[in-house]
Amino acid sequence: MGEPLLDNSIAELKNGHIPLLLAQAYNSAYGIKIQLNDAVLGHEQGRYAGQVFLDKADGKGTAVMLTFMGTAFGTLRAQGMRDGLNQTAPLVNVLDPLQGYTRQQANARSAT
């Protein structure tokens, strides 16, 4: 993942003898690492988000998708989320990193 985003937190968990389960490809000597099917996981997340839009906003609105782009798991999960959301609530406008948007483009699209 590049920067050691979680190193301090992982060190504190280790020092506190708190078990850690890593579900991503994070380089740490501490913790148990598991492999996930990121596309399927993202699809289920997207379906859940779509259901929330159906229940709370008549299946309409704008969703902003956040993920770790530039990584295989981030790309797979993002595509799965988009697919699951589109399947469940196709009228939701999705702003996501797969489109390569900038902050200005996201602001403009969310205003529509």
N, C-alpha and C. Protein backbone atom coordinates (compact mmCIF):
# COMPACT_ATOMS: atom_id res chain seq x y z
N MET A 1 0.81 -1.20 0.00
CA MET A 1 0.00 0.00 0.00
C MET A 1 0.85 1.26 0.00
N GLY A 2 2.12 1.15 0.02
CA GLY A 2 2.97 2.33 0.00
C GLY A 2 3.23 2.82 1.41
N GLU A 3 2.62 3.93 1.78
CA GLU A 3 2.83 4.52 3.10
C GLU A 3 2.38 3.57 4.20
N PRO A 4 3.11 3.56 5.31
CA PRO A 4 2.74 2.68 6.44
C PRO A 4 1.56 3.26 7.23
N LEU A 5 0.40 3.25 6.61
CA LEU A 5 -0.79 3.89 7.18
C LEU A 5 -1.19 3.35 8.55
N LEU A 6 -1.01 2.08 8.75
CA LEU A 6 -1.51 1.46 9.98
C LEU A 6 -0.42 1.04 10.95
N ASP A 7 0.85 1.33 10.67
CA ASP A 7 1.95 0.81 11.48
C ASP A 7 1.82 1.15 12.96
N ASN A 8 1.50 2.39 13.30
CA ASN A 8 1.39 2.78 14.71
C ASN A 8 0.24 2.05 15.39
N SER A 9 -0.88 1.95 14.70
CA SER A 9 -2.04 1.25 15.28
C SER A 9 -1.74 -0.23 15.48
N ILE A 10 -1.08 -0.83 14.51
CA ILE A 10 -0.74 -2.25 14.61
C ILE A 10 0.23 -2.48 15.76
N ALA A 11 1.21 -1.58 15.92
CA ALA A 11 2.17 -1.70 17.02
C ALA A 11 1.46 -1.62 18.37
N GLU A 12 0.48 -0.73 18.50
CA GLU A 12 -0.28 -0.63 19.74
C GLU A 12 -1.09 -1.88 20.01
N LEU A 13 -1.67 -2.46 18.98
CA LEU A 13 -2.41 -3.71 19.15
C LEU A 13 -1.47 -4.83 19.61
N LYS A 14 -0.32 -4.90 18.98
CA LYS A 14 0.66 -5.93 19.35
C LYS A 14 1.11 -5.75 20.79
N ASN A 15 1.44 -4.52 21.17
CA ASN A 15 1.89 -4.24 22.55
C ASN A 15 0.79 -4.54 23.56
N GLY A 16 -0.45 -4.37 23.16
CA GLY A 16 -1.56 -4.66 24.05
C GLY A 16 -2.02 -6.11 23.98
N HIS A 17 -1.31 -6.94 23.23
CA HIS A 17 -1.65 -8.36 23.06
C HIS A 17 -3.08 -8.54 22.56
N ILE A 18 -3.48 -7.64 21.66
CA ILE A 18 -4.83 -7.69 21.07
C ILE A 18 -4.72 -8.36 19.71
N PRO A 19 -5.47 -9.42 19.48
CA PRO A 19 -5.39 -10.13 18.19
C PRO A 19 -5.77 -9.21 17.04
N LEU A 20 -5.19 -9.46 15.89
CA LEU A 20 -5.43 -8.65 14.70
C LEU A 20 -5.65 -9.55 13.51
N LEU A 21 -6.69 -9.24 12.76
CA LEU A 21 -6.99 -9.95 11.53
C LEU A 21 -6.95 -8.93 10.40
N LEU A 22 -6.04 -9.12 9.46
CA LEU A 22 -5.90 -8.21 8.32
C LEU A 22 -6.58 -8.82 7.11
N ALA A 23 -7.50 -8.08 6.54
CA ALA A 23 -8.22 -8.59 5.38
C ALA A 23 -7.67 -8.03 4.08
N GLN A 24 -6.60 -7.32 4.14
CA GLN A 24 -6.01 -6.73 2.95
C GLN A 24 -4.53 -7.07 2.89
N ALA A 25 -3.94 -6.78 1.77
CA ALA A 25 -2.51 -7.06 1.57
C ALA A 25 -1.68 -5.96 2.21
N TYR A 26 -1.66 -5.90 3.52
CA TYR A 26 -0.88 -4.90 4.26
C TYR A 26 0.35 -5.59 4.80
N ASN A 27 1.51 -5.01 4.60
CA ASN A 27 2.77 -5.61 5.00
C ASN A 27 3.00 -5.40 6.50
N SER A 28 2.70 -6.41 7.29
CA SER A 28 2.89 -6.35 8.73
C SER A 28 3.32 -7.72 9.22
N ALA A 29 4.30 -7.74 10.11
CA ALA A 29 4.74 -9.01 10.69
C ALA A 29 3.75 -9.50 11.74
N TYR A 30 2.89 -8.62 12.23
CA TYR A 30 1.92 -8.98 13.27
C TYR A 30 0.55 -9.16 12.65
N GLY A 31 -0.18 -10.12 13.12
CA GLY A 31 -1.56 -10.34 12.69
C GLY A 31 -1.69 -11.52 11.75
N ILE A 32 -2.92 -11.94 11.60
CA ILE A 32 -3.26 -13.04 10.70
C ILE A 32 -3.84 -12.41 9.44
N LYS A 33 -3.35 -12.83 8.30
CA LYS A 33 -3.81 -12.29 7.02
C LYS A 33 -4.73 -13.28 6.33
N ILE A 34 -5.84 -12.78 5.84
CA ILE A 34 -6.76 -13.63 5.10
C ILE A 34 -6.94 -13.06 3.69
N GLN A 35 -7.27 -13.91 2.78
CA GLN A 35 -7.51 -13.50 1.39
C GLN A 35 -9.01 -13.46 1.16
N LEU A 36 -9.48 -12.36 0.61
CA LEU A 36 -10.90 -12.19 0.33
C LEU A 36 -11.13 -12.13 -1.17
N ASN A 37 -12.34 -12.43 -1.58
CA ASN A 37 -12.75 -12.19 -2.96
C ASN A 37 -13.30 -10.77 -2.99
N ASP A 38 -12.44 -9.84 -3.36
CA ASP A 38 -12.80 -8.42 -3.27
C ASP A 38 -13.95 -8.03 -4.17
N ALA A 39 -14.06 -8.65 -5.35
CA ALA A 39 -15.17 -8.33 -6.25
C ALA A 39 -16.51 -8.72 -5.62
N VAL A 40 -16.55 -9.91 -5.01
CA VAL A 40 -17.79 -10.37 -4.36
C VAL A 40 -18.10 -9.53 -3.13
N LEU A 41 -17.08 -9.21 -2.34
CA LEU A 41 -17.29 -8.38 -1.16
C LEU A 41 -17.81 -7.01 -1.57
N GLY A 42 -17.21 -6.40 -2.59
CA GLY A 42 -17.68 -5.11 -3.07
C GLY A 42 -19.10 -5.17 -3.59
N HIS A 43 -19.43 -6.25 -4.29
CA HIS A 43 -20.78 -6.42 -4.82
C HIS A 43 -21.81 -6.43 -3.69
N GLU A 44 -21.51 -7.14 -2.62
CA GLU A 44 -22.43 -7.19 -1.48
C GLU A 44 -22.54 -5.82 -0.80
N GLN A 45 -21.43 -5.10 -0.71
CA GLN A 45 -21.47 -3.75 -0.14
C GLN A 45 -22.35 -2.84 -1.01
N GLY A 46 -22.20 -2.96 -2.32
CA GLY A 46 -23.00 -2.16 -3.24
C GLY A 46 -24.48 -2.50 -3.16
N ARG A 47 -24.79 -3.80 -3.05
CA ARG A 47 -26.20 -4.21 -2.92
C ARG A 47 -26.81 -3.64 -1.64
N TYR A 48 -26.02 -3.68 -0.55
CA TYR A 48 -26.51 -3.13 0.72
C TYR A 48 -26.76 -1.62 0.58
N ALA A 49 -25.80 -0.91 -0.02
CA ALA A 49 -25.98 0.54 -0.22
C ALA A 49 -27.20 0.81 -1.09
N GLY A 50 -27.38 0.01 -2.12
CA GLY A 50 -28.56 0.17 -2.98
C GLY A 50 -29.85 -0.02 -2.21
N GLN A 51 -29.87 -0.98 -1.31
CA GLN A 51 -31.07 -1.21 -0.50
C GLN A 51 -31.35 -0.03 0.42
N VAL A 52 -30.29 0.58 0.96
CA VAL A 52 -30.47 1.78 1.78
C VAL A 52 -31.08 2.90 0.94
N PHE A 53 -30.59 3.09 -0.27
CA PHE A 53 -31.17 4.11 -1.16
C PHE A 53 -32.63 3.80 -1.48
N LEU A 54 -32.96 2.54 -1.69
CA LEU A 54 -34.35 2.17 -1.96
C LEU A 54 -35.24 2.46 -0.75
N ASP A 55 -34.74 2.12 0.44
CA ASP A 55 -35.53 2.29 1.66
C ASP A 55 -35.66 3.75 2.08
N LYS A 56 -34.61 4.53 1.91
CA LYS A 56 -34.57 5.88 2.46
C LYS A 56 -34.80 7.00 1.45
N ALA A 57 -34.56 6.72 0.16
CA ALA A 57 -34.64 7.81 -0.82
C ALA A 57 -35.30 7.38 -2.13
N ASP A 58 -36.21 6.42 -2.04
CA ASP A 58 -36.93 5.95 -3.23
C ASP A 58 -36.00 5.50 -4.35
N GLY A 59 -34.82 4.99 -3.97
CA GLY A 59 -33.89 4.46 -4.97
C GLY A 59 -33.15 5.51 -5.78
N LYS A 60 -33.17 6.76 -5.31
CA LYS A 60 -32.53 7.86 -6.04
C LYS A 60 -31.53 8.55 -5.14
N GLY A 61 -30.56 9.22 -5.75
CA GLY A 61 -29.58 9.98 -4.98
C GLY A 61 -28.21 9.87 -5.60
N THR A 62 -27.23 10.32 -4.84
CA THR A 62 -25.84 10.27 -5.28
C THR A 62 -25.02 9.53 -4.24
N ALA A 63 -24.23 8.58 -4.71
CA ALA A 63 -23.34 7.82 -3.83
C ALA A 63 -21.90 8.17 -4.19
N VAL A 64 -21.09 8.43 -3.18
CA VAL A 64 -19.67 8.67 -3.38
C VAL A 64 -18.94 7.42 -2.91
N MET A 65 -18.16 6.83 -3.78
CA MET A 65 -17.46 5.59 -3.48
C MET A 65 -16.00 5.91 -3.15
N LEU A 66 -15.53 5.44 -2.00
CA LEU A 66 -14.15 5.62 -1.59
C LEU A 66 -13.47 4.26 -1.54
N THR A 67 -12.28 4.18 -2.08
CA THR A 67 -11.53 2.92 -2.05
C THR A 67 -10.06 3.22 -2.29
N PHE A 68 -9.21 2.23 -2.17
CA PHE A 68 -7.78 2.36 -2.44
C PHE A 68 -7.54 2.08 -3.92
N MET A 69 -7.53 3.11 -4.74
CA MET A 69 -7.25 2.91 -6.15
C MET A 69 -5.75 2.70 -6.33
N GLY A 70 -5.40 2.10 -7.43
CA GLY A 70 -4.00 1.79 -7.67
C GLY A 70 -3.59 0.45 -7.08
N THR A 71 -4.54 -0.24 -6.47
CA THR A 71 -4.29 -1.57 -5.93
C THR A 71 -5.29 -2.53 -6.57
N ALA A 72 -4.91 -3.78 -6.68
CA ALA A 72 -5.81 -4.77 -7.28
C ALA A 72 -7.08 -4.90 -6.45
N PHE A 73 -6.94 -4.99 -5.12
CA PHE A 73 -8.13 -5.18 -4.29
C PHE A 73 -9.03 -3.96 -4.33
N GLY A 74 -8.45 -2.76 -4.40
CA GLY A 74 -9.27 -1.55 -4.47
C GLY A 74 -10.07 -1.46 -5.75
N THR A 75 -9.43 -1.80 -6.85
CA THR A 75 -10.11 -1.76 -8.14
C THR A 75 -11.21 -2.82 -8.21
N LEU A 76 -10.90 -4.04 -7.76
CA LEU A 76 -11.91 -5.11 -7.77
C LEU A 76 -13.09 -4.77 -6.87
N ARG A 77 -12.79 -4.26 -5.67
CA ARG A 77 -13.87 -3.94 -4.75
C ARG A 77 -14.72 -2.80 -5.29
N ALA A 78 -14.08 -1.79 -5.87
CA ALA A 78 -14.83 -0.66 -6.43
C ALA A 78 -15.75 -1.11 -7.56
N GLN A 79 -15.25 -1.96 -8.44
CA GLN A 79 -16.09 -2.46 -9.53
C GLN A 79 -17.25 -3.28 -8.99
N GLY A 80 -16.98 -4.11 -7.98
CA GLY A 80 -18.05 -4.89 -7.37
C GLY A 80 -19.10 -4.01 -6.70
N MET A 81 -18.65 -2.95 -6.01
CA MET A 81 -19.60 -2.03 -5.37
C MET A 81 -20.48 -1.35 -6.41
N ARG A 82 -19.85 -0.89 -7.47
CA ARG A 82 -20.60 -0.22 -8.54
C ARG A 82 -21.63 -1.18 -9.14
N ASP A 83 -21.21 -2.41 -9.43
CA ASP A 83 -22.12 -3.39 -10.03
C ASP A 83 -23.28 -3.72 -9.10
N GLY A 84 -22.99 -3.93 -7.81
CA GLY A 84 -24.04 -4.25 -6.85
C GLY A 84 -25.02 -3.12 -6.65
N LEU A 85 -24.50 -1.90 -6.60
CA LEU A 85 -25.35 -0.72 -6.44
C LEU A 85 -26.22 -0.51 -7.67
N ASN A 86 -25.61 -0.62 -8.86
CA ASN A 86 -26.38 -0.46 -10.10
C ASN A 86 -27.45 -1.53 -10.24
N GLN A 87 -27.16 -2.74 -9.78
CA GLN A 87 -28.13 -3.83 -9.87
C GLN A 87 -29.31 -3.58 -8.94
N THR A 88 -29.05 -3.06 -7.76
CA THR A 88 -30.10 -2.90 -6.75
C THR A 88 -30.86 -1.58 -6.90
N ALA A 89 -30.13 -0.50 -7.18
CA ALA A 89 -30.75 0.83 -7.28
C ALA A 89 -30.16 1.55 -8.49
N PRO A 90 -30.61 1.21 -9.69
CA PRO A 90 -29.99 1.74 -10.90
C PRO A 90 -30.13 3.25 -11.11
N LEU A 91 -31.01 3.91 -10.37
CA LEU A 91 -31.19 5.36 -10.53
C LEU A 91 -30.22 6.18 -9.69
N VAL A 92 -29.40 5.52 -8.87
CA VAL A 92 -28.44 6.24 -8.04
C VAL A 92 -27.26 6.68 -8.91
N ASN A 93 -26.91 7.94 -8.79
CA ASN A 93 -25.74 8.51 -9.47
C ASN A 93 -24.50 8.14 -8.67
N VAL A 94 -23.56 7.42 -9.28
CA VAL A 94 -22.37 6.95 -8.57
C VAL A 94 -21.17 7.79 -8.95
N LEU A 95 -20.55 8.42 -7.96
CA LEU A 95 -19.28 9.12 -8.15
C LEU A 95 -18.21 8.18 -7.62
N ASP A 96 -17.33 7.73 -8.48
CA ASP A 96 -16.34 6.77 -8.00
C ASP A 96 -15.00 6.96 -8.69
N PRO A 97 -13.96 6.45 -8.07
CA PRO A 97 -12.62 6.62 -8.63
C PRO A 97 -12.40 5.87 -9.93
N LEU A 98 -13.28 4.95 -10.29
CA LEU A 98 -13.15 4.23 -11.56
C LEU A 98 -13.32 5.19 -12.73
N GLN A 99 -14.02 6.30 -12.48
CA GLN A 99 -14.24 7.29 -13.52
C GLN A 99 -13.06 8.26 -13.62
N GLY A 100 -12.12 8.20 -12.67
CA GLY A 100 -10.98 9.10 -12.67
C GLY A 100 -11.37 10.55 -12.43
N TYR A 101 -12.37 10.79 -11.58
CA TYR A 101 -12.84 12.15 -11.37
C TYR A 101 -11.86 12.96 -10.52
N THR A 102 -11.96 14.26 -10.68
CA THR A 102 -11.23 15.18 -9.81
C THR A 102 -12.21 15.70 -8.76
N ARG A 103 -11.70 16.38 -7.76
CA ARG A 103 -12.56 16.95 -6.72
C ARG A 103 -13.58 17.91 -7.35
N GLN A 104 -13.15 18.71 -8.32
CA GLN A 104 -14.05 19.66 -8.96
C GLN A 104 -15.14 18.94 -9.73
N GLN A 105 -14.79 17.86 -10.43
CA GLN A 105 -15.79 17.10 -11.17
C GLN A 105 -16.79 16.45 -10.21
N ALA A 106 -16.30 15.94 -9.10
CA ALA A 106 -17.20 15.32 -8.12
C ALA A 106 -18.16 16.35 -7.56
N ASN A 107 -17.67 17.55 -7.24
CA ASN A 107 -18.53 18.60 -6.72
C ASN A 107 -19.59 18.99 -7.76
N ALA A 108 -19.18 19.11 -9.00
CA ALA A 108 -20.12 19.49 -10.07
C ALA A 108 -21.18 18.41 -10.27
N ARG A 109 -20.77 17.14 -10.29
CA ARG A 109 -21.73 16.06 -10.52
C ARG A 109 -22.68 15.90 -9.34
N SER A 110 -22.19 16.11 -8.12
CA SER A 110 -23.07 15.93 -6.96
C SER A 110 -24.08 17.06 -6.84
N ALA A 111 -23.84 18.17 -7.51
CA ALA A 111 -24.77 19.30 -7.49
C ALA A 111 -25.94 19.08 -8.43
N THR A 112 -25.84 18.10 -9.34
CA THR A 112 -26.92 17.88 -10.32
C THR A 112 -27.99 16.98 -9.77
